[in-house]
């Protein structure tokens, strides 16, 4: 990022850019997003966008980084109850489908293999430690903590916007989500709990 706003008005403009860019990138991806649409919707200009973020790619990076931090903060891991964590992730994907879409665009356009972000930008160290501690306490099956985490996240995304079978929405009846939550909870419990 280049410059942070010096005034409350500048901070409000920067926030509008972030909100509109999140929608734009989630819908169109990095290559398909248009700075012109972002600045028009944010009621600002390209000079301010570039002043705050340096480039379209810098803007995407700021949004994507914030989305990763959001999921860590809003849905903290509880390695003693990975089934509940999976359900809370499912609920967050319903509330914020843009988070999954941004990650999908990053995977498609930036890092088609390996970790989704560079090692220095990864936010999963505490998750991996928590899983390893739960394994040492006999609460989680043996295995690579990263693989356990990846499995639980993948199960939580079964009905997400990137599902190749069915993408759920928050507008569906509550009983449908309750049924999925119960199935998800049981599937994760069986997958990660020692016999």
Protein backbone atom coordinates (compact mmCIF):
# COMPACT_ATOMS: atom_id res chain seq x y z
CA UNK A 1 0.00 0.00 0.00
CA UNK A 2 1.15 3.49 -0.68
CA UNK A 3 -0.45 6.15 1.50
CA UNK A 4 -2.90 6.02 4.36
CA UNK A 5 -5.51 8.77 4.48
CA UNK A 6 -4.65 11.78 6.63
CA UNK A 7 -8.25 12.90 7.21
CA UNK A 8 -11.57 11.37 8.22
CA UNK A 9 -12.89 12.20 4.76
CA UNK A 10 -9.93 10.40 3.18
CA UNK A 11 -10.49 7.39 5.45
CA UNK A 12 -14.14 7.28 4.39
CA UNK A 13 -13.12 7.42 0.72
CA UNK A 14 -10.57 4.65 1.24
CA UNK A 15 -13.22 2.53 2.95
CA UNK A 16 -15.66 3.07 0.06
CA UNK A 17 -12.94 2.00 -2.38
CA UNK A 18 -12.34 -1.17 -0.37
CA UNK A 19 -16.06 -2.00 -0.21
CA UNK A 20 -16.68 -1.42 -3.91
CA UNK A 21 -13.48 -3.17 -4.93
CA UNK A 22 -14.41 -6.19 -2.83
CA UNK A 23 -17.65 -6.50 -4.79
CA UNK A 24 -15.88 -5.92 -8.10
CA UNK A 25 -13.08 -8.43 -7.50
CA UNK A 26 -15.43 -11.04 -6.05
CA UNK A 27 -17.63 -10.81 -9.14
CA UNK A 28 -15.05 -10.36 -11.90
CA UNK A 29 -11.71 -11.59 -10.55
CA UNK A 30 -8.42 -9.73 -10.75
CA UNK A 31 -8.15 -9.57 -14.52
CA UNK A 32 -11.83 -8.80 -15.05
CA UNK A 33 -12.16 -6.11 -12.40
CA UNK A 34 -12.24 -2.57 -13.73
CA UNK A 35 -10.78 0.36 -11.84
CA UNK A 36 -13.23 2.66 -13.64
CA UNK A 37 -16.22 0.80 -12.15
CA UNK A 38 -14.63 0.78 -8.70
CA UNK A 39 -13.92 4.53 -8.59
CA UNK A 40 -17.34 5.38 -10.06
CA UNK A 41 -19.15 3.27 -7.47
CA UNK A 42 -16.90 4.62 -4.67
CA UNK A 43 -17.48 8.22 -5.82
CA UNK A 44 -13.78 8.98 -6.13
CA UNK A 45 -11.07 8.98 -8.79
CA UNK A 46 -8.20 6.83 -10.00
CA UNK A 47 -5.60 9.14 -8.45
CA UNK A 48 -6.95 8.47 -4.96
CA UNK A 49 -7.22 4.74 -5.56
CA UNK A 50 -3.64 4.58 -6.80
CA UNK A 51 -2.49 6.88 -4.01
CA UNK A 52 -3.91 4.55 -1.38
CA UNK A 53 -3.14 1.20 -3.01
CA UNK A 54 -0.47 1.76 -5.67
CA UNK A 55 -2.13 -0.40 -8.33
CA UNK A 56 -5.14 -2.57 -9.06
CA UNK A 57 -3.09 -5.56 -7.88
CA UNK A 58 -2.16 -3.71 -4.70
CA UNK A 59 -5.85 -3.05 -4.09
CA UNK A 60 -6.67 -6.74 -4.57
CA UNK A 61 -3.85 -7.69 -2.19
CA UNK A 62 -5.21 -5.32 0.48
CA UNK A 63 -8.71 -6.75 0.11
CA UNK A 64 -7.57 -10.36 0.03
CA UNK A 65 -5.31 -9.92 3.06
CA UNK A 66 -8.19 -8.32 4.97
CA UNK A 67 -10.50 -11.19 4.00
CA UNK A 68 -8.01 -13.74 5.35
CA UNK A 69 -7.65 -11.79 8.59
CA UNK A 70 -11.43 -11.51 8.86
CA UNK A 71 -12.00 -15.25 8.64
CA UNK A 72 -9.31 -15.87 11.29
CA UNK A 73 -10.78 -13.25 13.64
CA UNK A 74 -14.48 -13.90 13.05
CA UNK A 75 -14.19 -17.69 13.07
CA UNK A 76 -11.36 -18.56 15.46
CA UNK A 77 -10.36 -22.20 15.59
CA UNK A 78 -11.20 -24.46 18.49
CA UNK A 79 -9.12 -27.55 17.81
CA UNK A 80 -10.87 -29.44 20.62
CA UNK A 81 -14.10 -29.09 18.59
CA UNK A 82 -13.19 -28.99 14.90
CA UNK A 83 -16.76 -29.98 14.00
CA UNK A 84 -18.08 -26.77 15.55
CA UNK A 85 -15.35 -24.79 13.79
CA UNK A 86 -16.44 -26.27 10.45
CA UNK A 87 -20.05 -25.25 11.11
CA UNK A 88 -18.99 -21.73 12.06
CA UNK A 89 -16.98 -21.53 8.82
CA UNK A 90 -20.04 -22.72 6.87
CA UNK A 91 -22.09 -19.95 8.48
CA UNK A 92 -19.48 -17.32 7.66
CA UNK A 93 -19.42 -18.42 4.00
CA UNK A 94 -23.19 -17.93 3.95
CA UNK A 95 -22.83 -14.43 5.41
CA UNK A 96 -19.86 -13.47 3.25
CA UNK A 97 -19.71 -15.47 0.01
CA UNK A 98 -17.31 -12.84 -1.33
CA UNK A 99 -14.58 -14.25 0.95
CA UNK A 100 -14.63 -17.58 -0.86
CA UNK A 101 -14.92 -15.95 -4.26
CA UNK A 102 -11.85 -13.78 -3.58
CA UNK A 103 -9.86 -16.83 -2.50
CA UNK A 104 -10.98 -18.65 -5.64
CA UNK A 105 -9.87 -15.80 -7.90
CA UNK A 106 -6.53 -15.68 -6.09
CA UNK A 107 -6.15 -19.42 -6.69
CA UNK A 108 -7.15 -19.17 -10.35
CA UNK A 109 -5.20 -16.05 -11.26
CA UNK A 110 -2.26 -15.97 -8.87
CA UNK A 111 -1.31 -19.29 -7.24
CA UNK A 112 -2.74 -22.31 -9.02
CA UNK A 113 -0.72 -24.75 -6.87
CA UNK A 114 0.69 -24.90 -3.38
CA UNK A 115 -0.32 -22.58 -0.55
CA UNK A 116 -2.80 -19.86 -1.43
CA UNK A 117 -0.51 -17.17 -0.03
CA UNK A 118 3.24 -16.80 0.46
CA UNK A 119 4.61 -18.31 3.65
CA UNK A 120 5.22 -14.86 5.12
CA UNK A 121 1.53 -13.96 4.65
CA UNK A 122 0.04 -17.17 6.03
CA UNK A 123 -2.16 -16.84 9.07
CA UNK A 124 -2.48 -20.50 9.99
CA UNK A 125 0.42 -21.01 12.41
CA UNK A 126 -1.79 -20.74 15.48
CA UNK A 127 -4.36 -23.09 13.89
CA UNK A 128 -1.67 -25.69 13.21
CA UNK A 129 -0.32 -25.38 16.75
CA UNK A 130 -3.84 -25.77 18.17
CA UNK A 131 -4.45 -28.89 16.10
CA UNK A 132 -1.06 -30.35 17.10
CA UNK A 133 -1.85 -29.69 20.77
CA UNK A 134 -5.27 -31.37 20.39
CA UNK A 135 -3.54 -34.32 18.72
CA UNK A 136 -1.05 -34.57 21.59
CA UNK A 137 -3.99 -34.57 24.03
CA UNK A 138 -5.62 -37.42 22.07
CA UNK A 139 -8.57 -35.27 20.91
CA UNK A 140 -7.72 -35.28 17.17
CA UNK A 141 -6.53 -38.12 14.96
CA UNK A 142 -2.82 -38.33 14.15
CA UNK A 143 -1.61 -36.81 10.91
CA UNK A 144 -0.14 -33.64 9.52
CA UNK A 145 -1.95 -30.75 11.26
CA UNK A 146 -2.07 -28.87 7.95
CA UNK A 147 -3.83 -31.80 6.28
CA UNK A 148 -6.35 -32.01 9.13
CA UNK A 149 -7.02 -28.28 8.84
CA UNK A 150 -7.35 -28.48 5.05
CA UNK A 151 -9.80 -31.38 5.35
CA UNK A 152 -12.02 -29.55 7.83
CA UNK A 153 -12.00 -26.37 5.73
CA UNK A 154 -12.83 -28.36 2.59
CA UNK A 155 -15.77 -30.03 4.31
CA UNK A 156 -17.00 -26.65 5.55
CA UNK A 157 -16.97 -25.40 1.94
CA UNK A 158 -19.08 -28.28 0.56
CA UNK A 159 -22.00 -25.91 -0.15
CA UNK A 160 -19.98 -22.72 -0.62
CA UNK A 161 -19.92 -20.52 -3.74
CA UNK A 162 -17.07 -22.67 -5.11
CA UNK A 163 -18.89 -25.98 -4.77
CA UNK A 164 -18.97 -27.94 -7.99
CA UNK A 165 -22.23 -29.52 -6.86
CA UNK A 166 -24.41 -26.88 -5.18
CA UNK A 167 -23.83 -23.35 -3.89
CA UNK A 168 -25.95 -22.47 -0.87
CA UNK A 169 -27.23 -18.99 -0.06
CA UNK A 170 -28.34 -17.35 3.18
CA UNK A 171 -31.81 -16.96 1.68
CA UNK A 172 -32.53 -20.70 1.81
CA UNK A 173 -34.87 -21.94 4.58
CA UNK A 174 -33.30 -22.25 8.02
CA UNK A 175 -34.18 -25.93 8.27
CA UNK A 176 -32.07 -26.62 5.16
CA UNK A 177 -29.06 -24.99 6.79
CA UNK A 178 -29.75 -26.78 10.07
CA UNK A 179 -29.76 -30.13 8.23
CA UNK A 180 -26.45 -29.29 6.53
CA UNK A 181 -24.91 -28.10 9.77
CA UNK A 182 -25.85 -31.36 11.48
CA UNK A 183 -24.40 -33.42 8.62
CA UNK A 184 -21.23 -31.31 8.52
CA UNK A 185 -20.77 -31.52 12.27
CA UNK A 186 -21.13 -35.31 12.24
CA UNK A 187 -18.89 -35.79 9.18
CA UNK A 188 -16.08 -33.70 10.68
CA UNK A 189 -16.48 -35.33 14.09
CA UNK A 190 -16.12 -38.79 12.52
CA UNK A 191 -13.21 -37.71 10.34
CA UNK A 192 -11.06 -36.15 13.04
CA UNK A 193 -11.99 -37.80 16.32
CA UNK A 194 -9.91 -40.82 17.38
CA UNK A 195 -11.84 -44.09 17.85
